[in-house]
Every structure is written in C-alpha cells, then in structure tokens.
Amino acid sequence: ASFSLSAPNRRKQAMPRFLRLVLVAATVVTGARAFTLNKCPLPRVHRRMPTHVRGHLWTSTYQPAAPFTRHGFEASPECRGEADPVPVDADASAGASSRSNARHIFKMTRPRTLPPSMVLVALGAWGAEHSWAFLRDAVIMQQLGLVTVLVVLTTATSMLINDYWDFKLQVDSEENSEEKVLVARKVTPDAVKGALKWLYALHLGLLLLINQQSLRVCIYLNTMATFLYTRHFKPVPGVKNLLCAGVIATTVATGATVVKGGLAPGVSAVWPAMAILGGGIMHREIAMDVTDAEGDRRAGLRTLPVMFGSTGALLVSCVPVLVAIGASACRSAHPLASSVPLLVMVALALKAAHAARRGGDATNEIATAVEYAFPLLFVGMLLALI
C-alpha cells in the first residue's frame, strides 16, 4: 500500500541523516585540526611518541631528506639514517610518554608546598573557636574537605601557570633556570597547558559544591589572582609580593569561614594569624627576589631588588614584618611571644643587608634569611592563634 508522509514526519525521518552529516563534518574538521596542530603534519598519535621514534617517522614517511629537529630536539642516529631503527610499539610508546609527562608535570607543582596549604586550612578551622569540636560535625567536615582540595588545586595550578608563562615569555632560560622541567625539554608547553585545563575544570566543578557564597567568591578570586599573576602582576614592582602574601594568608581564613559560617566572622577570628602569615610571606618573597636579582634583571623584570638593590630590598622586606607585629599585638593573647620569631626574621634580614652594603658576598646571609623565614613565621602564627 502506498502512503505519503506528512511534513512533520518527513522532518523526523530527515533528522537522523542531518545528525549524521554533522558528525561526519565534525570528524573531518577534528581530523584536519589534529593533522595541522602546531603546523605539524604528523598525526596526534605520532606526536605522543618519543622523540627518536617520532623523528624516524618524520624522515622516513614525510620528509625523506630532513631530520626531525622540531622544538630544538636533536634527531637521533636512527632518524638520520646512521643506524637501523628499532621497531617500537606505538601504543606502548604513547603510554610511556603520557606517564612521563604526568610525572614531570607533578614535579612542576612543587609537591612540598601542598601539605603546608592543607595545614593552614586546618589551623584556620581550629583557630576560629580554639576547639576541635567541628570534627564531630559531618557537614563542616565535608565542606572543609572540599575547601582543602580547592586550596591544593589553587596551589598546584599557580605553580604550573607560573612556570608555563615564565617559559613562554623567556624569563626562564638555560642560563638561569636550567633545572626547570620546561627549560630542560622534559615536557612540552602544550602538555602543561592541557593539564592546566583539566585542573581548572575540576576546580570550577568542586567550587560549585561550596555552600557559602562568600567563601566561593574568596576561593575563586584567589585562583584568578594566581592565574593572572605571572603575565599581569609579576612585572609590577611590589604587587607580585603583596599578591602572594594575600593569597596565602587568605588560606587560613577559608578554614575559619567554614566553621564560623561566614567570611567576615571567620576573618575576624583569625586575623592576627593572617597578619603574621601575610607579613612573613611578603618578607620572604622579597628576600627570594634578592637571590634571583641577576636573572630578573636580564629578563627585564622590575622587582624590588632590581630597582633598589639588594640592601634596599632587604630593608623594605622588614616593613611588612614590623606591621604584622603591630597588628597581631593588638589582638593576640601572647603578643610578646608571637613577636619574638618575627623579630628574629628582621634581625636575619638586617644582617644580610649589612653584608650586602659592605660590598662583600652576602649569599650565605640571604640564603639563611630565606631558609628560616617560613619556620619562624609559622611559629609566630601558631602563638598568635593560641
């Protein structure tokens, strides 16, 4: 029997064909993009291979007379035709390369900085009410766990984005940062950028699970500050040091905010500790810039040591510590005890400034001031919380 389809039915029959055409077009576009990404005619699976395998495929298949020297990598003897290539399984090579990238990217996050971030959140939660009673509250513990993971992600991504832009802007080079993973060509910038995309996506997803709006905004602003740090804030003298100090000091407030139920009550409960932590971190950041002054000068960065010299920068680094001492003394239950570690930091910085002013080698004095800065400010912060 013959029958005719109405207009709506014809649209329903044509829709799967339309979707198939869209999928085919998307596949073609994706394949073309993968084939031409970074102006490299090799397929994506080939670009995940080790250098010597990738180079052999380039020379034997695409460019018979030209060895693979892309991104400054030296072609292996197999690539140049000096020896017979060893057959390698492409899937195994890609898997090994992925594991190697993951290991190097994890190293770039400075894993030693992640546990202190977690400790600061816990100390802020305890300092809010000077009690561990919040451990019995399931909702608070869930929120504290989320905040801790978010703070760790902010710390890790800040390290990755800083190294990425330092390499792209040629601040890091073989002359001053030979140990950096990107400078040593152990991982590509594209791999780091890909890892950052996934980490930021995870960060935004977890951020939606935070109950308090003020806390969500605080964590989001901290993450955005670290994202914009290297490219926009780092070239501004003093601002980069102040930004680092503010982001780290706010970590204590996040834990207190979860327990107190609001950002303002949380900051009010732990602000002496925040002042000590912020002032000490800013002091340490300026002292670290003194050790990197030559490299920053060659890279064109206008840090405080580049502008005022080592002696002037070390003297300036004492100012935030003295401000922290005054701020914490107004509220701390043990103002004298919490001030002693900070005064020791000032003494070490003055000793290094005196050695630099005499024109001698003050490397050891500056290194001592940097090394002992964080333990001393951590002790001062604990005494302010008690």
Foldseek 3Di string as FASTA:
>chain_A
DDDDDDPVVVCVVCVVVVVVVVVVVVVVVVQVCQCCPVHHNDHPLLVLADQQSSQLCCCVPPNVCDTDQPPNDDHDCCSNVNDPDDDDDSVVRSVVSVVLLVVLLVVLLVVVVLVVLLVLLVLLLCLLPVDPVCVPPPVLVVLSVLLSVLSSLLSSLLSLLQVLVCVVLVLDECVQCVVRCPNVVSHDSVSSVVVSVVSVVVSVVSLVVRDDPVLSVLSVVLSVCSNCQNPPPQLDEPRSLLSVLQSSLCSSLSSSCSNVVHSVSSCVSQVLLSLLSSLLSSLLVLLVCLVCVVSCVVSVRDYPCVVPNLLVSLVVSLVSLVVSLVVLLVPAPCSVQLNVLSVVLNVLSNVLSVCVVVVHDSVVSSVVSNVSSVVSSVSSSVSRSD
